[in-house]
Amino acid sequence: MQTQIKESLILLLDGIKRSDGPAVEREMTRLEDMLERGRAGLPAQLEHFLERRSYAKALAYLGGEAPAAGACGPRGKAPLAAKHEQGSQDIR
């Protein structure tokens, strides 16, 4: 199933790039269907990316690349939030 997911991700991202609405809709539907049917057999990280529609990260994962850090990265405070808190402590 991972091969079919990868093919669908490639078609989806290509459809987005070309602004091809019907292709985007078709591939998103296929991906959602494959996720629901194959959830139990998918690696947890791939399931995570597909659930959150992080399609570029899912494709990078399937291609053997490390996904880019982002909202799905390690948990913790975002640098901006930490800086904001630090700044608010200085104001008295």
C-alpha atoms as a PDB file:
ATOM      1  CA  MET A   1       0.000   0.000   0.000  1.00  0.00           C
ATOM      2  CA  GLN A   2       2.904   2.383   0.630  1.00  0.00           C
ATOM      3  CA  THR A   3       3.754   2.291  -3.086  1.00  0.00           C
ATOM      4  CA  GLN A   4       0.196   3.357  -3.966  1.00  0.00           C
ATOM      5  CA  ILE A   5       0.303   6.098  -1.326  1.00  0.00           C
ATOM      6  CA  LYS A   6       3.581   7.379  -2.738  1.00  0.00           C
ATOM      7  CA  GLU A   7       2.171   7.410  -6.290  1.00  0.00           C
ATOM      8  CA  SER A   8      -0.925   9.257  -5.112  1.00  0.00           C
ATOM      9  CA  LEU A   9       1.175  11.805  -3.201  1.00  0.00           C
ATOM     10  CA  ILE A  10       3.243  12.501  -6.326  1.00  0.00           C
ATOM     11  CA  LEU A  11       0.078  12.997  -8.391  1.00  0.00           C
ATOM     12  CA  LEU A  12      -1.463  15.185  -5.685  1.00  0.00           C
ATOM     13  CA  LEU A  13       1.542  17.477  -5.345  1.00  0.00           C
ATOM     14  CA  ASP A  14       1.812  17.702  -9.137  1.00  0.00           C
ATOM     15  CA  GLY A  15      -1.894  18.595  -9.324  1.00  0.00           C
ATOM     16  CA  ILE A  16      -1.387  21.320  -6.716  1.00  0.00           C
ATOM     17  CA  LYS A  17       1.569  22.694  -8.656  1.00  0.00           C
ATOM     18  CA  ARG A  18      -0.514  22.800 -11.862  1.00  0.00           C
ATOM     19  CA  SER A  19      -3.614  24.159 -10.071  1.00  0.00           C
ATOM     20  CA  ASP A  20      -5.571  21.127 -11.304  1.00  0.00           C
ATOM     21  CA  GLY A  21      -8.542  21.074  -8.918  1.00  0.00           C
ATOM     22  CA  PRO A  22     -10.046  17.763 -10.107  1.00  0.00           C
ATOM     23  CA  ALA A  23      -6.684  15.978  -9.766  1.00  0.00           C
ATOM     24  CA  VAL A  24      -6.167  17.416  -6.284  1.00  0.00           C
ATOM     25  CA  GLU A  25      -9.638  16.356  -5.189  1.00  0.00           C
ATOM     26  CA  ARG A  26      -9.240  12.866  -6.689  1.00  0.00           C
ATOM     27  CA  GLU A  27      -5.878  12.214  -5.034  1.00  0.00           C
ATOM     28  CA  MET A  28      -6.928  13.613  -1.653  1.00  0.00           C
ATOM     29  CA  THR A  29      -9.929  11.287  -1.724  1.00  0.00           C
ATOM     30  CA  ARG A  30      -7.688   8.340  -2.656  1.00  0.00           C
ATOM     31  CA  LEU A  31      -5.250   9.163   0.142  1.00  0.00           C
ATOM     32  CA  GLU A  32      -8.012   9.463   2.730  1.00  0.00           C
ATOM     33  CA  ASP A  33      -9.440   6.121   1.579  1.00  0.00           C
ATOM     34  CA  MET A  34      -6.048   4.406   1.710  1.00  0.00           C
ATOM     35  CA  LEU A  35      -5.418   5.835   5.175  1.00  0.00           C
ATOM     36  CA  GLU A  36      -8.727   4.500   6.495  1.00  0.00           C
ATOM     37  CA  ARG A  37      -8.328   1.071   4.876  1.00  0.00           C
ATOM     38  CA  GLY A  38      -4.676   0.569   5.744  1.00  0.00           C
ATOM     39  CA  ARG A  39      -4.220   2.470   8.975  1.00  0.00           C
ATOM     40  CA  ALA A  40      -3.298  -0.610  11.009  1.00  0.00           C
ATOM     41  CA  GLY A  41      -0.467  -1.539   8.646  1.00  0.00           C
ATOM     42  CA  LEU A  42       1.096   1.895   8.225  1.00  0.00           C
ATOM     43  CA  PRO A  43       4.118   3.164  10.146  1.00  0.00           C
ATOM     44  CA  ALA A  44       3.008   5.576  12.869  1.00  0.00           C
ATOM     45  CA  GLN A  45       4.914   8.530  11.419  1.00  0.00           C
ATOM     46  CA  LEU A  46       3.397   8.050   7.954  1.00  0.00           C
ATOM     47  CA  GLU A  47      -0.070   7.792   9.498  1.00  0.00           C
ATOM     48  CA  HIS A  48       0.645  11.001  11.429  1.00  0.00           C
ATOM     49  CA  PHE A  49       1.644  12.901   8.271  1.00  0.00           C
ATOM     50  CA  LEU A  50      -1.369  11.657   6.297  1.00  0.00           C
ATOM     51  CA  GLU A  51      -3.839  12.436   9.093  1.00  0.00           C
ATOM     52  CA  ARG A  52      -2.560  15.998   9.277  1.00  0.00           C
ATOM     53  CA  ARG A  53      -2.385  16.342   5.494  1.00  0.00           C
ATOM     54  CA  SER A  54       1.354  16.952   5.643  1.00  0.00           C
ATOM     55  CA  TYR A  55       1.649  15.502   2.163  1.00  0.00           C
ATOM     56  CA  ALA A  56       5.148  16.770   1.315  1.00  0.00           C
ATOM     57  CA  LYS A  57       6.423  15.297   4.595  1.00  0.00           C
ATOM     58  CA  ALA A  58       4.666  11.997   3.867  1.00  0.00           C
ATOM     59  CA  LEU A  59       6.309  11.846   0.440  1.00  0.00           C
ATOM     60  CA  ALA A  60       9.719  12.672   1.925  1.00  0.00           C
ATOM     61  CA  TYR A  61       9.184   9.903   4.483  1.00  0.00           C
ATOM     62  CA  LEU A  62       8.329   7.382   1.772  1.00  0.00           C
ATOM     63  CA  GLY A  63      11.305   8.494  -0.269  1.00  0.00           C
ATOM     64  CA  GLY A  64      13.613   7.705   2.615  1.00  0.00           C
ATOM     65  CA  GLU A  65      14.407  11.342   3.339  1.00  0.00           C
ATOM     66  CA  ALA A  66      14.126  12.945   6.735  1.00  0.00           C
ATOM     67  CA  PRO A  67      10.990  15.120   6.756  1.00  0.00           C
ATOM     68  CA  ALA A  68      11.530  18.823   7.230  1.00  0.00           C
ATOM     69  CA  ALA A  69      11.114  20.020  10.785  1.00  0.00           C
ATOM     70  CA  GLY A  70       7.907  21.862  11.415  1.00  0.00           C
ATOM     71  CA  ALA A  71       4.701  21.640  13.341  1.00  0.00           C
ATOM     72  CA  CYS A  72       5.063  17.866  13.348  1.00  0.00           C
ATOM     73  CA  GLY A  73       8.595  18.067  14.782  1.00  0.00           C
ATOM     74  CA  PRO A  74       9.609  17.470  18.373  1.00  0.00           C
ATOM     75  CA  ARG A  75       7.265  18.921  20.919  1.00  0.00           C
ATOM     76  CA  GLY A  76       8.268  22.012  22.783  1.00  0.00           C
ATOM     77  CA  LYS A  77       7.776  25.713  22.679  1.00  0.00           C
ATOM     78  CA  ALA A  78       8.244  27.429  19.384  1.00  0.00           C
ATOM     79  CA  PRO A  79      11.139  29.894  19.439  1.00  0.00           C
ATOM     80  CA  LEU A  80       8.762  32.842  19.002  1.00  0.00           C
ATOM     81  CA  ALA A  81       6.576  31.718  21.903  1.00  0.00           C
ATOM     82  CA  ALA A  82       9.605  31.285  24.133  1.00  0.00           C
ATOM     83  CA  LYS A  83      10.913  34.715  23.135  1.00  0.00           C
ATOM     84  CA  HIS A  84       7.492  36.243  23.786  1.00  0.00           C
ATOM     85  CA  GLU A  85       7.370  34.730  27.269  1.00  0.00           C
ATOM     86  CA  GLN A  86      10.863  35.952  28.017  1.00  0.00           C
ATOM     87  CA  GLY A  87       9.926  39.449  26.880  1.00  0.00           C
ATOM     88  CA  SER A  88       6.773  39.487  28.980  1.00  0.00           C
ATOM     89  CA  GLN A  89       8.768  38.598  32.083  1.00  0.00           C
ATOM     90  CA  ASP A  90      10.975  41.650  31.563  1.00  0.00           C
ATOM     91  CA  ILE A  91       7.975  43.999  31.631  1.00  0.00           C
ATOM     92  CA  ARG A  92       6.997  44.892  35.189  1.00  0.00           C
END
